[in-house]
Amino acid sequence: MPTLFFRPAIVLFLILTLLTGILYPLVITGIAQVAFPSQAGGSILVKDGKAIGSSLIGQSFRDPAHFWGRPSATTPQPYNGLASGGSNLGPLNPALTEAVKARIDALRAAEPTNKASIPVDLVTASASGLDPDISLAAAYYQLNRVARARGANPEALRALIAAHAQGRWLGILGEPRINVLELNLSLDALD
């Protein structure tokens, strides 16, 4: 008698496990591989046959000859995908104010002659802490430092930024932006 009572539950459990645990993920993965092959594969960027990063996850650049990305709030190291998330520091939190001031000081120290306003995305982390993009204003803010460090023509770098600029999604959503890793790879290819 107890076997008959549990049998429908066990059969239903096995059917749902097959459908939602095996069949559904396989179908969705197959559709993603066909419709969005780059994203489904992690958007991995390859240089000289070696994977060097993903266009979807930011990387830390501190060399003055490269464009710097948005700060990351992940720990224990920047752009840690396992610790994705914002700092959860509110706008009145002194720790956030101190972190932003320290980032402003670091940018001013890296380029003391640049008196332009620092774009907010160069001193604040994104909600995920993994943002691979910066605003065009942030790229242009760094242009002279990168040109000087590389001994490059600023107009050539301005053209490179323009070539990598991505507009608003569907022409209306989001802000124009640039992927820092892709920009730096193109910059290295110029050498």
Protein backbone atom coordinates (compact mmCIF):
# COMPACT_ATOMS: atom_id res chain seq x y z
CA MET A 1 0.00 0.00 0.00
CA PRO A 2 2.70 2.63 0.84
CA THR A 3 4.42 1.89 -2.48
CA LEU A 4 1.27 2.77 -4.41
CA PHE A 5 0.99 6.02 -2.45
CA PHE A 6 4.53 7.23 -3.31
CA ARG A 7 4.67 5.93 -6.88
CA PRO A 8 2.91 8.94 -8.55
CA ALA A 9 5.15 11.36 -6.64
CA ILE A 10 8.31 9.50 -7.69
CA VAL A 11 7.19 9.29 -11.34
CA LEU A 12 6.30 12.99 -11.36
CA PHE A 13 9.66 13.82 -9.76
CA LEU A 14 11.54 11.85 -12.43
CA ILE A 15 9.53 13.40 -15.30
CA LEU A 16 10.05 16.94 -13.99
CA THR A 17 13.75 16.27 -13.41
CA LEU A 18 14.11 15.07 -16.99
CA LEU A 19 12.15 18.04 -18.40
CA THR A 20 13.44 20.91 -16.27
CA GLY A 21 16.84 19.59 -15.25
CA ILE A 22 18.04 18.06 -18.52
CA LEU A 23 15.85 18.74 -21.55
CA TYR A 24 15.07 22.43 -20.93
CA PRO A 25 18.71 23.47 -20.24
CA LEU A 26 19.88 21.59 -23.35
CA VAL A 27 17.28 23.29 -25.56
CA ILE A 28 18.03 26.76 -24.18
CA THR A 29 21.80 26.20 -24.49
CA GLY A 30 21.34 25.03 -28.08
CA ILE A 31 19.25 28.08 -28.97
CA ALA A 32 21.83 30.37 -27.32
CA GLN A 33 24.69 28.72 -29.23
CA VAL A 34 22.87 29.34 -32.52
CA ALA A 35 21.39 32.79 -31.84
CA PHE A 36 24.19 34.30 -29.72
CA PRO A 37 27.34 32.20 -30.23
CA SER A 38 29.81 34.76 -28.85
CA GLN A 39 27.84 35.54 -25.70
CA ALA A 40 26.99 31.88 -25.07
CA GLY A 41 30.70 31.09 -25.24
CA GLY A 42 31.58 33.82 -22.73
CA SER A 43 32.55 36.51 -25.29
CA ILE A 44 36.18 35.44 -24.98
CA LEU A 45 38.74 37.66 -26.74
CA VAL A 46 41.75 35.87 -28.18
CA LYS A 47 45.17 37.31 -29.01
CA ASP A 48 47.88 35.18 -30.65
CA GLY A 49 45.79 32.06 -30.04
CA LYS A 50 45.53 32.72 -26.30
CA ALA A 51 42.38 33.74 -24.42
CA ILE A 52 43.08 37.09 -22.77
CA GLY A 53 39.71 38.08 -21.38
CA SER A 54 36.02 38.52 -21.95
CA SER A 55 34.40 41.54 -23.51
CA LEU A 56 31.64 41.17 -20.90
CA ILE A 57 33.82 41.37 -17.77
CA GLY A 58 36.11 44.29 -16.96
CA GLN A 59 39.81 43.92 -16.30
CA SER A 60 42.18 45.96 -14.21
CA PHE A 61 44.55 48.22 -16.15
CA ARG A 62 46.97 50.43 -14.19
CA ASP A 63 49.66 51.03 -16.84
CA PRO A 64 49.60 54.73 -17.85
CA ALA A 65 49.93 53.61 -21.48
CA HIS A 66 46.51 51.94 -21.36
CA PHE A 67 43.01 53.24 -20.85
CA TRP A 68 41.69 52.46 -17.38
CA GLY A 69 38.28 50.98 -16.78
CA ARG A 70 35.65 51.65 -14.21
CA PRO A 71 36.66 50.79 -10.62
CA SER A 72 35.54 47.43 -9.33
CA ALA A 73 33.92 46.91 -5.93
CA THR A 74 34.66 43.17 -5.85
CA THR A 75 37.05 41.59 -3.40
CA PRO A 76 39.62 40.22 -2.76
CA GLN A 77 40.80 41.35 -6.22
CA PRO A 78 39.18 43.68 -8.77
CA TYR A 79 36.77 42.21 -11.34
CA ASN A 80 36.32 38.99 -9.37
CA GLY A 81 33.38 37.29 -11.07
CA LEU A 82 32.70 35.14 -8.01
CA ALA A 83 32.16 38.24 -5.87
CA SER A 84 30.05 40.23 -8.30
CA GLY A 85 28.06 42.95 -6.65
CA GLY A 86 28.22 46.57 -5.65
CA SER A 87 29.81 47.87 -2.48
CA ASN A 88 26.37 48.61 -0.96
CA LEU A 89 27.75 51.89 0.37
CA GLY A 90 25.10 54.61 0.36
CA PRO A 91 25.74 58.14 -0.89
CA LEU A 92 26.10 59.47 2.68
CA ASN A 93 28.49 56.73 3.80
CA PRO A 94 31.91 58.20 4.67
CA ALA A 95 33.65 55.08 3.29
CA LEU A 96 32.20 55.77 -0.17
CA THR A 97 33.24 59.41 0.03
CA GLU A 98 36.77 58.39 1.02
CA ALA A 99 36.99 55.81 -1.78
CA VAL A 100 35.86 58.34 -4.39
CA LYS A 101 38.31 60.96 -3.07
CA ALA A 102 41.15 58.42 -3.22
CA ARG A 103 40.25 57.55 -6.82
CA ILE A 104 40.12 61.25 -7.76
CA ASP A 105 43.53 61.78 -6.14
CA ALA A 106 44.96 58.80 -8.05
CA LEU A 107 43.65 60.14 -11.36
CA ARG A 108 45.01 63.62 -10.62
CA ALA A 109 48.39 62.13 -9.65
CA ALA A 110 48.53 60.11 -12.87
CA GLU A 111 47.93 63.25 -14.92
CA PRO A 112 48.43 66.44 -12.88
CA THR A 113 48.09 68.76 -15.90
CA ASN A 114 44.58 67.52 -16.75
CA LYS A 115 42.20 70.06 -15.20
CA ALA A 116 39.06 68.67 -16.87
CA SER A 117 36.20 67.36 -14.76
CA ILE A 118 36.66 63.69 -13.99
CA PRO A 119 33.79 61.58 -15.38
CA VAL A 120 31.85 59.86 -12.62
CA ASP A 121 32.39 56.39 -14.07
CA LEU A 122 36.15 56.68 -13.44
CA VAL A 123 35.62 57.09 -9.68
CA THR A 124 32.54 54.97 -8.90
CA ALA A 125 32.02 51.24 -9.27
CA SER A 126 29.10 49.76 -11.18
CA ALA A 127 26.37 47.72 -9.53
CA SER A 128 28.02 44.46 -10.57
CA GLY A 129 31.60 45.57 -10.01
CA LEU A 130 32.44 43.93 -13.35
CA ASP A 131 31.56 46.66 -15.88
CA PRO A 132 33.77 46.31 -18.98
CA ASP A 133 32.75 49.66 -20.47
CA ILE A 134 33.43 53.31 -19.79
CA SER A 135 31.75 56.41 -21.13
CA LEU A 136 33.23 58.21 -24.09
CA ALA A 137 33.92 61.13 -21.73
CA ALA A 138 36.03 58.80 -19.55
CA ALA A 139 38.02 57.64 -22.57
CA TYR A 140 38.59 61.20 -23.79
CA TYR A 141 39.61 62.26 -20.26
CA GLN A 142 42.45 59.70 -20.39
CA LEU A 143 43.47 60.37 -23.99
CA ASN A 144 46.39 62.76 -23.32
CA ARG A 145 47.90 60.55 -20.58
CA VAL A 146 47.83 57.50 -22.85
CA ALA A 147 49.20 59.46 -25.83
CA ARG A 148 52.05 60.87 -23.74
CA ALA A 149 52.92 57.47 -22.21
CA ARG A 150 53.02 55.87 -25.67
CA GLY A 151 54.52 58.78 -27.53
CA ALA A 152 51.47 58.60 -29.81
CA ASN A 153 49.60 61.26 -31.72
CA PRO A 154 46.50 62.27 -29.69
CA GLU A 155 44.46 62.59 -32.89
CA ALA A 156 45.25 58.97 -33.79
CA LEU A 157 43.97 57.90 -30.36
CA ARG A 158 40.90 60.10 -30.76
CA ALA A 159 40.16 58.28 -34.03
CA LEU A 160 40.69 54.91 -32.30
CA ILE A 161 38.20 55.87 -29.58
CA ALA A 162 35.68 56.97 -32.20
CA ALA A 163 36.15 53.68 -34.09
CA HIS A 164 35.39 51.64 -30.95
CA ALA A 165 32.50 53.76 -29.65
CA GLN A 166 29.24 51.91 -29.22
CA GLY A 167 26.02 53.90 -29.44
CA ARG A 168 22.80 53.56 -27.53
CA TRP A 169 21.01 50.22 -27.81
CA LEU A 170 18.29 50.56 -30.46
CA GLY A 171 19.36 54.19 -30.72
CA ILE A 172 17.55 55.18 -27.51
CA LEU A 173 18.50 53.00 -24.54
CA GLY A 174 21.64 53.43 -22.47
CA GLU A 175 24.56 55.76 -23.01
CA PRO A 176 27.30 55.74 -25.65
CA ARG A 177 30.21 53.68 -24.32
CA ILE A 178 33.45 51.96 -25.17
CA ASN A 179 34.76 48.54 -24.17
CA VAL A 180 38.09 49.11 -22.39
CA LEU A 181 39.65 45.71 -23.17
CA GLU A 182 38.82 45.94 -26.88
CA LEU A 183 40.13 49.53 -27.00
CA ASN A 184 43.40 48.55 -25.29
CA LEU A 185 43.87 45.55 -27.60
CA SER A 186 43.50 47.86 -30.61
CA LEU A 187 45.89 50.29 -28.98
CA ASP A 188 48.50 47.53 -28.51
CA ALA A 189 48.05 46.46 -32.13
CA LEU A 190 49.21 49.93 -33.22
CA ASP A 191 52.65 49.34 -31.70
